[in-house]
Amino acid sequence: MQPLGVNPASVESHRGYVDKFQFNFPLLSDPERTIAGAYNALREDGQRIQRTVYVIGRDGTVRFAQRGTPPVDDIVRAA
């Protein structure tokens, strides 16, 4: 499983965040909110992001999707 974070912040902002919190996975910059829109992760105003977790199988199918912060065990089980 390869986790990725996606958020509209700049690449430079992400570098600082990764360094500060010692993430061991990449954060992708989505300033136009294209990825967030495609994965239905935008709030009703179309600007703010709703935290959403997806597990996508190697074949490209969505195996798990949940808004908010689901239990890690649920995510791992879906992987």
N, C-alpha and C. Protein backbone atom coordinates (compact mmCIF):
# COMPACT_ATOMS: atom_id res chain seq x y z
N MET A 1 0.86 -1.17 0.00
CA MET A 1 0.00 0.00 0.00
C MET A 1 0.90 1.23 0.00
N GLN A 2 0.60 2.19 -0.85
CA GLN A 2 1.35 3.45 -0.93
C GLN A 2 0.41 4.60 -0.59
N PRO A 3 0.48 5.13 0.63
CA PRO A 3 -0.38 6.28 0.95
C PRO A 3 0.11 7.54 0.24
N LEU A 4 -0.84 8.39 -0.11
CA LEU A 4 -0.57 9.70 -0.69
C LEU A 4 -1.49 10.70 -0.01
N GLY A 5 -1.01 11.88 0.21
CA GLY A 5 -1.85 12.96 0.68
C GLY A 5 -2.07 13.94 -0.46
N VAL A 6 -3.27 14.45 -0.60
CA VAL A 6 -3.57 15.42 -1.65
C VAL A 6 -4.25 16.62 -0.99
N ASN A 7 -3.79 17.82 -1.37
CA ASN A 7 -4.31 19.01 -0.74
C ASN A 7 -3.95 20.21 -1.63
N PRO A 8 -4.73 21.29 -1.57
CA PRO A 8 -4.50 22.40 -2.50
C PRO A 8 -3.31 23.30 -2.15
N ALA A 9 -2.64 23.05 -1.05
CA ALA A 9 -1.50 23.89 -0.66
C ALA A 9 -0.35 23.76 -1.66
N SER A 10 0.56 24.70 -1.62
CA SER A 10 1.70 24.71 -2.54
C SER A 10 2.70 23.60 -2.21
N VAL A 11 3.53 23.28 -3.18
CA VAL A 11 4.59 22.29 -2.97
C VAL A 11 5.50 22.74 -1.83
N GLU A 12 5.84 24.02 -1.80
CA GLU A 12 6.72 24.54 -0.74
C GLU A 12 6.07 24.37 0.64
N SER A 13 4.80 24.66 0.73
CA SER A 13 4.07 24.48 1.98
C SER A 13 4.09 23.01 2.41
N HIS A 14 3.91 22.13 1.44
CA HIS A 14 3.94 20.69 1.74
C HIS A 14 5.30 20.26 2.27
N ARG A 15 6.37 20.79 1.70
CA ARG A 15 7.72 20.44 2.18
C ARG A 15 7.86 20.74 3.67
N GLY A 16 7.42 21.92 4.06
CA GLY A 16 7.49 22.29 5.47
C GLY A 16 6.64 21.40 6.35
N TYR A 17 5.47 21.06 5.87
CA TYR A 17 4.55 20.21 6.63
C TYR A 17 5.13 18.81 6.80
N VAL A 18 5.68 18.25 5.72
CA VAL A 18 6.29 16.91 5.76
C VAL A 18 7.46 16.91 6.73
N ASP A 19 8.29 17.95 6.67
CA ASP A 19 9.44 18.04 7.58
C ASP A 19 8.98 18.17 9.03
N LYS A 20 7.99 19.01 9.27
CA LYS A 20 7.52 19.25 10.64
C LYS A 20 6.92 18.00 11.26
N PHE A 21 6.11 17.26 10.49
CA PHE A 21 5.40 16.11 11.04
C PHE A 21 6.05 14.77 10.69
N GLN A 22 7.18 14.82 9.97
CA GLN A 22 7.94 13.61 9.64
C GLN A 22 7.10 12.56 8.90
N PHE A 23 6.31 13.01 7.94
CA PHE A 23 5.52 12.06 7.13
C PHE A 23 6.46 11.18 6.33
N ASN A 24 6.08 9.93 6.17
CA ASN A 24 6.88 9.00 5.36
C ASN A 24 6.15 8.66 4.06
N PHE A 25 5.31 9.60 3.61
CA PHE A 25 4.60 9.43 2.35
C PHE A 25 4.51 10.80 1.68
N PRO A 26 4.35 10.82 0.37
CA PRO A 26 4.32 12.10 -0.34
C PRO A 26 2.98 12.83 -0.21
N LEU A 27 3.05 14.15 -0.26
CA LEU A 27 1.87 14.99 -0.36
C LEU A 27 1.86 15.59 -1.75
N LEU A 28 0.72 15.51 -2.41
CA LEU A 28 0.57 16.03 -3.77
C LEU A 28 -0.16 17.37 -3.72
N SER A 29 0.32 18.33 -4.46
CA SER A 29 -0.29 19.64 -4.52
C SER A 29 -1.38 19.65 -5.59
N ASP A 30 -2.58 20.07 -5.20
CA ASP A 30 -3.74 20.10 -6.09
C ASP A 30 -4.37 21.50 -6.04
N PRO A 31 -3.62 22.55 -6.48
CA PRO A 31 -4.11 23.92 -6.31
C PRO A 31 -5.41 24.22 -7.05
N GLU A 32 -5.66 23.53 -8.14
CA GLU A 32 -6.91 23.76 -8.88
C GLU A 32 -8.05 22.86 -8.37
N ARG A 33 -7.73 22.02 -7.40
CA ARG A 33 -8.70 21.10 -6.77
C ARG A 33 -9.27 20.09 -7.77
N THR A 34 -8.49 19.77 -8.78
CA THR A 34 -8.91 18.82 -9.81
C THR A 34 -9.06 17.42 -9.24
N ILE A 35 -8.06 16.98 -8.49
CA ILE A 35 -8.10 15.64 -7.89
C ILE A 35 -9.21 15.59 -6.84
N ALA A 36 -9.28 16.61 -5.99
CA ALA A 36 -10.31 16.65 -4.96
C ALA A 36 -11.70 16.59 -5.57
N GLY A 37 -11.92 17.30 -6.66
CA GLY A 37 -13.22 17.27 -7.33
C GLY A 37 -13.52 15.91 -7.92
N ALA A 38 -12.52 15.31 -8.54
CA ALA A 38 -12.72 13.99 -9.17
C ALA A 38 -13.04 12.92 -8.14
N TYR A 39 -12.54 13.08 -6.93
CA TYR A 39 -12.77 12.08 -5.87
C TYR A 39 -13.81 12.54 -4.86
N ASN A 40 -14.61 13.53 -5.23
CA ASN A 40 -15.72 13.99 -4.39
C ASN A 40 -15.25 14.36 -2.98
N ALA A 41 -14.12 15.07 -2.91
CA ALA A 41 -13.56 15.45 -1.62
C ALA A 41 -13.66 16.95 -1.35
N LEU A 42 -14.53 17.64 -2.08
CA LEU A 42 -14.73 19.06 -1.85
C LEU A 42 -15.98 19.27 -1.00
N ARG A 43 -15.92 20.28 -0.15
CA ARG A 43 -17.12 20.65 0.62
C ARG A 43 -18.10 21.34 -0.33
N GLU A 44 -19.28 21.63 0.16
CA GLU A 44 -20.33 22.20 -0.69
C GLU A 44 -19.92 23.51 -1.35
N ASP A 45 -19.03 24.27 -0.72
CA ASP A 45 -18.62 25.56 -1.31
C ASP A 45 -17.67 25.38 -2.50
N GLY A 46 -17.21 24.14 -2.73
CA GLY A 46 -16.33 23.86 -3.86
C GLY A 46 -14.90 24.32 -3.69
N GLN A 47 -14.58 24.90 -2.55
CA GLN A 47 -13.23 25.41 -2.30
C GLN A 47 -12.50 24.65 -1.20
N ARG A 48 -13.19 24.41 -0.12
CA ARG A 48 -12.55 23.73 1.01
C ARG A 48 -12.58 22.22 0.80
N ILE A 49 -11.58 21.57 1.36
CA ILE A 49 -11.43 20.12 1.22
C ILE A 49 -12.10 19.42 2.39
N GLN A 50 -12.82 18.36 2.09
CA GLN A 50 -13.37 17.46 3.11
C GLN A 50 -12.44 16.27 3.19
N ARG A 51 -11.82 16.05 4.36
CA ARG A 51 -10.91 14.91 4.49
C ARG A 51 -11.65 13.64 4.06
N THR A 52 -11.07 12.93 3.12
CA THR A 52 -11.67 11.72 2.58
C THR A 52 -10.56 10.71 2.34
N VAL A 53 -10.81 9.47 2.72
CA VAL A 53 -9.81 8.41 2.55
C VAL A 53 -10.30 7.43 1.50
N TYR A 54 -9.44 7.14 0.55
CA TYR A 54 -9.72 6.14 -0.48
C TYR A 54 -8.61 5.10 -0.47
N VAL A 55 -9.00 3.85 -0.71
CA VAL A 55 -8.03 2.80 -1.02
C VAL A 55 -8.36 2.37 -2.44
N ILE A 56 -7.38 2.49 -3.31
CA ILE A 56 -7.56 2.15 -4.72
C ILE A 56 -6.69 0.94 -5.02
N GLY A 57 -7.32 -0.12 -5.53
CA GLY A 57 -6.60 -1.35 -5.84
C GLY A 57 -5.67 -1.18 -7.02
N ARG A 58 -4.77 -2.12 -7.16
CA ARG A 58 -3.82 -2.08 -8.28
C ARG A 58 -4.53 -2.07 -9.63
N ASP A 59 -5.74 -2.61 -9.67
CA ASP A 59 -6.50 -2.64 -10.92
C ASP A 59 -7.28 -1.34 -11.16
N GLY A 60 -7.13 -0.37 -10.24
CA GLY A 60 -7.78 0.92 -10.40
C GLY A 60 -9.16 1.03 -9.79
N THR A 61 -9.67 -0.03 -9.18
CA THR A 61 -10.99 0.03 -8.57
C THR A 61 -10.90 0.59 -7.15
N VAL A 62 -11.93 1.33 -6.77
CA VAL A 62 -12.00 1.88 -5.42
C VAL A 62 -12.44 0.75 -4.49
N ARG A 63 -11.58 0.42 -3.54
CA ARG A 63 -11.85 -0.67 -2.60
C ARG A 63 -12.39 -0.15 -1.27
N PHE A 64 -12.19 1.13 -1.00
CA PHE A 64 -12.63 1.72 0.26
C PHE A 64 -12.76 3.22 0.04
N ALA A 65 -13.81 3.81 0.58
CA ALA A 65 -13.98 5.26 0.54
C ALA A 65 -14.76 5.69 1.77
N GLN A 66 -14.22 6.66 2.48
CA GLN A 66 -14.93 7.17 3.66
C GLN A 66 -14.48 8.59 3.95
N ARG A 67 -15.46 9.46 4.20
CA ARG A 67 -15.15 10.82 4.62
C ARG A 67 -14.73 10.82 6.08
N GLY A 68 -13.94 11.79 6.44
CA GLY A 68 -13.49 11.89 7.82
C GLY A 68 -12.20 11.12 8.03
N THR A 69 -12.04 10.61 9.23
CA THR A 69 -10.83 9.89 9.59
C THR A 69 -11.21 8.49 10.06
N PRO A 70 -11.29 7.54 9.14
CA PRO A 70 -11.69 6.19 9.52
C PRO A 70 -10.60 5.50 10.34
N PRO A 71 -10.96 4.47 11.09
CA PRO A 71 -9.96 3.71 11.83
C PRO A 71 -8.92 3.11 10.88
N VAL A 72 -7.66 3.17 11.29
CA VAL A 72 -6.57 2.65 10.47
C VAL A 72 -6.80 1.18 10.12
N ASP A 73 -7.34 0.40 11.06
CA ASP A 73 -7.60 -1.02 10.78
C ASP A 73 -8.54 -1.20 9.60
N ASP A 74 -9.54 -0.34 9.47
CA ASP A 74 -10.47 -0.43 8.34
C ASP A 74 -9.75 -0.16 7.02
N ILE A 75 -8.85 0.80 7.03
CA ILE A 75 -8.09 1.14 5.82
C ILE A 75 -7.17 -0.01 5.43
N VAL A 76 -6.44 -0.53 6.40
CA VAL A 76 -5.50 -1.62 6.13
C VAL A 76 -6.24 -2.86 5.65
N ARG A 77 -7.38 -3.15 6.26
CA ARG A 77 -8.17 -4.32 5.86
C ARG A 77 -8.62 -4.20 4.40
N ALA A 78 -8.93 -2.99 3.96
CA ALA A 78 -9.38 -2.78 2.58
C ALA A 78 -8.24 -2.90 1.58
N ALA A 79 -7.03 -2.66 2.05
CA ALA A 79 -5.86 -2.72 1.17
C ALA A 79 -5.57 -4.16 0.86
